[in-house]
C-alpha atoms as a PDB file:
ATOM      1  CA  MET A   1     -18.417 -14.086  12.987  1.00  0.00           C
ATOM      2  CA  PHE A   2     -18.646 -11.052  10.670  1.00  0.00           C
ATOM      3  CA  GLU A   3     -15.488  -9.539  12.178  1.00  0.00           C
ATOM      4  CA  TRP A   4     -13.493 -12.665  11.360  1.00  0.00           C
ATOM      5  CA  PHE A   5     -14.800 -12.701   7.801  1.00  0.00           C
ATOM      6  CA  SER A   6     -13.871  -9.032   7.342  1.00  0.00           C
ATOM      7  CA  LEU A   7     -10.436  -9.690   8.799  1.00  0.00           C
ATOM      8  CA  ILE A   8      -9.834 -12.636   6.477  1.00  0.00           C
ATOM      9  CA  VAL A   9     -10.989 -10.652   3.423  1.00  0.00           C
ATOM     10  CA  MET A  10      -8.652  -7.790   4.361  1.00  0.00           C
ATOM     11  CA  ALA A  11      -5.752 -10.187   4.923  1.00  0.00           C
ATOM     12  CA  VAL A  12      -6.309 -11.842   1.543  1.00  0.00           C
ATOM     13  CA  ALA A  13      -6.514  -8.446  -0.195  1.00  0.00           C
ATOM     14  CA  LEU A  14      -3.272  -7.236   1.414  1.00  0.00           C
ATOM     15  CA  GLY A  15      -1.609 -10.550   0.618  1.00  0.00           C
ATOM     16  CA  MET A  16      -2.653 -10.327  -3.025  1.00  0.00           C
ATOM     17  CA  ASP A  17      -1.310  -6.770  -3.182  1.00  0.00           C
ATOM     18  CA  ALA A  18       2.041  -7.862  -1.768  1.00  0.00           C
ATOM     19  CA  PHE A  19       2.088 -10.873  -4.104  1.00  0.00           C
ATOM     20  CA  SER A  20       1.487  -8.678  -7.169  1.00  0.00           C
ATOM     21  CA  ILE A  21       4.354  -6.404  -6.145  1.00  0.00           C
ATOM     22  CA  ALA A  22       6.616  -9.405  -5.602  1.00  0.00           C
ATOM     23  CA  LEU A  23       5.625 -10.857  -8.958  1.00  0.00           C
ATOM     24  CA  VAL A  24       6.534  -7.627 -10.755  1.00  0.00           C
ATOM     25  CA  PHE A  25       9.963  -7.536  -9.153  1.00  0.00           C
ATOM     26  CA  GLY A  26      10.486 -11.271  -9.522  1.00  0.00           C
ATOM     27  CA  VAL A  27      10.228 -11.117 -13.316  1.00  0.00           C
ATOM     28  CA  GLY A  28      12.123  -7.841 -13.597  1.00  0.00           C
ATOM     29  CA  PRO A  29      15.876  -7.712 -14.138  1.00  0.00           C
ATOM     30  CA  GLY A  30      18.488  -6.360 -11.782  1.00  0.00           C
ATOM     31  CA  ILE A  31      17.441  -7.408  -8.269  1.00  0.00           C
ATOM     32  CA  ASN A  32      19.612  -9.892  -6.406  1.00  0.00           C
ATOM     33  CA  ARG A  33      18.505 -12.117  -3.515  1.00  0.00           C
ATOM     34  CA  SER A  34      19.457  -9.650  -0.781  1.00  0.00           C
ATOM     35  CA  GLY A  35      17.519  -6.904  -2.575  1.00  0.00           C
ATOM     36  CA  MET A  36      14.518  -9.209  -2.862  1.00  0.00           C
ATOM     37  CA  TRP A  37      14.617  -9.927   0.881  1.00  0.00           C
ATOM     38  CA  ARG A  38      15.032  -6.246   1.729  1.00  0.00           C
ATOM     39  CA  ILE A  39      12.081  -5.200  -0.424  1.00  0.00           C
ATOM     40  CA  ALA A  40       9.881  -8.118   0.701  1.00  0.00           C
ATOM     41  CA  THR A  41      10.568  -7.435   4.369  1.00  0.00           C
ATOM     42  CA  SER A  42       9.956  -3.707   3.987  1.00  0.00           C
ATOM     43  CA  VAL A  43       6.688  -4.193   2.094  1.00  0.00           C
ATOM     44  CA  GLY A  44       5.564  -6.782   4.669  1.00  0.00           C
ATOM     45  CA  VAL A  45       6.264  -4.445   7.576  1.00  0.00           C
ATOM     46  CA  PHE A  46       4.367  -1.613   5.895  1.00  0.00           C
ATOM     47  CA  HIS A  47       1.467  -3.960   5.117  1.00  0.00           C
ATOM     48  CA  MET A  48       1.216  -4.496   8.885  1.00  0.00           C
ATOM     49  CA  ILE A  49       1.797  -0.894  10.005  1.00  0.00           C
ATOM     50  CA  MET A  50      -0.439   0.976   7.548  1.00  0.00           C
ATOM     51  CA  PRO A  51      -3.727  -0.843   8.366  1.00  0.00           C
ATOM     52  CA  LEU A  52      -3.040  -0.472  12.089  1.00  0.00           C
ATOM     53  CA  ALA A  53      -2.270   3.226  11.682  1.00  0.00           C
ATOM     54  CA  GLY A  54      -5.371   3.677   9.513  1.00  0.00           C
ATOM     55  CA  MET A  55      -7.616   1.965  12.042  1.00  0.00           C
ATOM     56  CA  ALA A  56      -6.148   4.007  14.899  1.00  0.00           C
ATOM     57  CA  LEU A  57      -6.512   7.270  12.968  1.00  0.00           C
ATOM     58  CA  GLY A  58     -10.045   6.342  11.889  1.00  0.00           C
ATOM     59  CA  ALA A  59     -11.022   5.555  15.490  1.00  0.00           C
ATOM     60  CA  TRP A  60      -9.515   8.848  16.658  1.00  0.00           C
ATOM     61  CA  ILE A  61     -11.321  10.873  13.972  1.00  0.00           C
ATOM     62  CA  SER A  62     -14.543   8.993  14.717  1.00  0.00           C
ATOM     63  CA  ASN A  63     -14.291   9.655  18.460  1.00  0.00           C
ATOM     64  CA  PHE A  64     -13.273  13.281  18.029  1.00  0.00           C
ATOM     65  CA  TYR A  65     -15.444  14.364  15.093  1.00  0.00           C
ATOM     66  CA  GLY A  66     -17.989  11.553  14.678  1.00  0.00           C
ATOM     67  CA  ALA A  67     -18.395   8.502  12.461  1.00  0.00           C
ATOM     68  CA  GLY A  68     -19.798  10.540   9.563  1.00  0.00           C
ATOM     69  CA  VAL A  69     -16.666  12.666   9.300  1.00  0.00           C
ATOM     70  CA  ALA A  70     -14.412   9.609   9.560  1.00  0.00           C
ATOM     71  CA  SER A  71     -16.321   7.900   6.729  1.00  0.00           C
ATOM     72  CA  PHE A  72     -16.139  11.069   4.612  1.00  0.00           C
ATOM     73  CA  VAL A  73     -12.361  11.412   5.162  1.00  0.00           C
ATOM     74  CA  ALA A  74     -11.837   7.738   4.276  1.00  0.00           C
ATOM     75  CA  GLY A  75     -13.936   8.158   1.118  1.00  0.00           C
ATOM     76  CA  VAL A  76     -11.997  11.244   0.039  1.00  0.00           C
ATOM     77  CA  ILE A  77      -8.675   9.469   0.592  1.00  0.00           C
ATOM     78  CA  LEU A  78      -9.819   6.438  -1.428  1.00  0.00           C
ATOM     79  CA  ALA A  79     -11.098   8.684  -4.215  1.00  0.00           C
ATOM     80  CA  LEU A  80      -7.811  10.601  -4.368  1.00  0.00           C
ATOM     81  CA  ILE A  81      -5.825   7.357  -4.505  1.00  0.00           C
ATOM     82  CA  GLY A  82      -8.072   6.071  -7.291  1.00  0.00           C
ATOM     83  CA  ILE A  83      -7.751   9.297  -9.294  1.00  0.00           C
ATOM     84  CA  GLN A  84      -3.967   9.243  -8.884  1.00  0.00           C
ATOM     85  CA  MET A  85      -3.864   5.612 -10.065  1.00  0.00           C
ATOM     86  CA  ILE A  86      -5.947   6.435 -13.142  1.00  0.00           C
ATOM     87  CA  PHE A  87      -3.719   9.399 -14.071  1.00  0.00           C
ATOM     88  CA  THR A  88      -0.589   7.321 -13.538  1.00  0.00           C
ATOM     89  CA  SER A  89      -1.865   4.489 -15.722  1.00  0.00           C
ATOM     90  CA  VAL A  90      -2.887   6.740 -18.631  1.00  0.00           C
ATOM     91  CA  SER A  91       0.168   9.000 -18.477  1.00  0.00           C
ATOM     92  CA  GLY A  92       2.288   6.376 -20.243  1.00  0.00           C
ATOM     93  CA  LYS A  93       5.456   7.102 -18.257  1.00  0.00           C
ATOM     94  CA  LYS A  94       7.541   3.971 -17.877  1.00  0.00           C
ATOM     95  CA  GLU A  95      10.497   5.381 -15.977  1.00  0.00           C
ATOM     96  CA  GLN A  96      11.161   4.514 -12.370  1.00  0.00           C
ATOM     97  CA  SER A  97      11.067   7.618 -10.190  1.00  0.00           C
ATOM     98  CA  PHE A  98      13.406   6.312  -7.465  1.00  0.00           C
ATOM     99  CA  GLN A  99      16.040   3.637  -6.889  1.00  0.00           C
ATOM    100  CA  LEU A 100      15.157   0.589  -4.801  1.00  0.00           C
ATOM    101  CA  ARG A 101      18.111   1.104  -2.469  1.00  0.00           C
ATOM    102  CA  GLY A 102      18.304   2.877   0.873  1.00  0.00           C
ATOM    103  CA  ILE A 103      15.633   5.533   1.293  1.00  0.00           C
ATOM    104  CA  GLY A 104      14.142   4.519  -2.071  1.00  0.00           C
ATOM    105  CA  VAL A 105      12.827   1.308  -0.494  1.00  0.00           C
ATOM    106  CA  LEU A 106      11.033   3.417   2.133  1.00  0.00           C
ATOM    107  CA  PHE A 107       9.490   5.624  -0.567  1.00  0.00           C
ATOM    108  CA  PHE A 108       8.479   2.510  -2.488  1.00  0.00           C
ATOM    109  CA  CYS A 109       6.771   1.009   0.568  1.00  0.00           C
ATOM    110  CA  ILE A 110       4.835   4.188   1.233  1.00  0.00           C
ATOM    111  CA  TYR A 111       3.959   4.816  -2.398  1.00  0.00           C
ATOM    112  CA  CYS A 112       3.811   1.084  -3.264  1.00  0.00           C
ATOM    113  CA  GLU A 113       3.286   1.455  -6.984  1.00  0.00           C
ATOM    114  CA  PRO A 114       5.995  -0.035  -9.217  1.00  0.00           C
ATOM    115  CA  ARG A 115       6.443   1.764 -12.506  1.00  0.00           C
END
């Protein structure tokens, strides 16, 4: 029962993240329908791949080094992401660092932070 609840909470969180990204680009100028589909599909694929890769890597680290090390690595990664988000939000830069075409869509999906 608890596993299903955790899975549903994670799915809702990832869905809300993807929705917020879509909302930002939906109100922004300059993206046509094909660009919207390309970005939405790419973000959706990465929202499936990244949790699977994270769970696989976490299981590997846990089996190889122990659960304590895996939890520590996950905590450090989350802290670094949080620190980077804080610095980005207070820096005041409003320029986009890459174009949402070609390889820029890949960078966007990995970085996943619209500016």
